[in-house]
Amino acid sequence: MGKPRSSCAPKRSIKTDAGPPIFSRLRKVTTDSKALDFDDLLLRSARLLRESTATREKWQARFQYIHVDEYQDTNRVQYELMRLLTGPKQNVCVVGDEDQSIYRWRGADVSILSEFSRDFPAARIVKLERNYRSTQTILDAAGAVVANNPERLGKSLSAHKGPGGNLRYFEGRDAQAEAEFIAGELERILNDDSDQTCAVEYRTNFQSRAFEEVFRRRGLRYKLVGGFSFYNRAEVKDALAYVRLAMHPEDDISLLRVLNIPPRESVRRRWIHFASPRVSMEHLSGPAIENSFPAHQQAAQVFHRHARTREVYPSSSYRFHAGNIQTRGGARYRLPDAFARRT
């Protein structure tokens, strides 16, 4: 396997004396919380494979074949990771289209796709030029848009569906106007054939609201397919934050997320209500950042200043389950004494 090309972009001069050290603070927060962002996962994996021969050979032996989809949106770190995993066998298959590269703004490099033949000289190139989704009119129009790109690999698309009708162009003044236009088109189609099934595709979830409002007002029956990811639901994020906090009490982000979830306003159990003016989030996050210590330590100070007799945080049942998680998981940390029940 040839030596992977450098994944580093040309160095730029960055002024570090102006403003707060944002990156250093970010690194400290992620380190203290024992967290990695998406870029860290890529960079650390590539570094481990690059620096450890035993690790690299182990994973190269595990993956006999590697398949990479959307190869035109690969960045340099992902490219290096793929080369390090491929190994001497070079059994790799990639799928990509240079005309669909849209993520350059976040590091994608379409030249990685165009140089695939140079990186893997023995590779066979198969062009998939038969299209089963669109009509020939749509394909011709799309091809004309990118025809003048000098860096294209080139292809000639043919439609399985035939020529099709002429294209129509509509530009709505806002999301509401767009939804009204589409609803009108759907009504026209359904009036001609009530047994028709139509689909409206949109890019992001927030766009569905305008369509739903118009469909409801016009009496168009619809079914929303997809929606929020399971792990993006608030209750799931809250539960995972409690688990992370049980394992790592110094995780300030998780602490601030569940500090008042569920709201602790019970008359029978007089919880500290952090949404009140008496104790706010700023009491914890602000001083903690300024003094560079975990928010749970600041929380302990706030409790001693503001908590009345028998006010507790968090619940005893949470402490019980958190203790079980720590015991079974072999955590090196225990819940701070500040979270104990005050009597």
Foldseek 3Di string as FASTA:
>chain_A
DDQADDQDDDDDDDDCVPDDNVVVLVVLLCVLLVHDDPVRVLVVLLVCLVPDVVVLVVLLVVDQAEEEEQLQQDARSNRSNVVSNPPPNNRYHYDHAVLPHDVVVPGGDNVCVVCVCVVPVVDDDDDDQEDAPDEPQVVVVSCVVCVPPPSGPDDHHHYPVYHDDHDDDDDAPDLLRVLVVVVVVVVVVCVVPVPDDDDDDDDDQVSVVSNVVVCVVVVNDDDDPDHDDPCPDLVNLLVVLLQSCLQRVLNQVSCLSCVQVPNQPDPVAHEDGQVDPLHHPCQQPVVCSVVVGGSVVSVLVSCVVDPDAQHAPDDPVSLVVSVVSCVVVVRPDHHDPSRDTGD
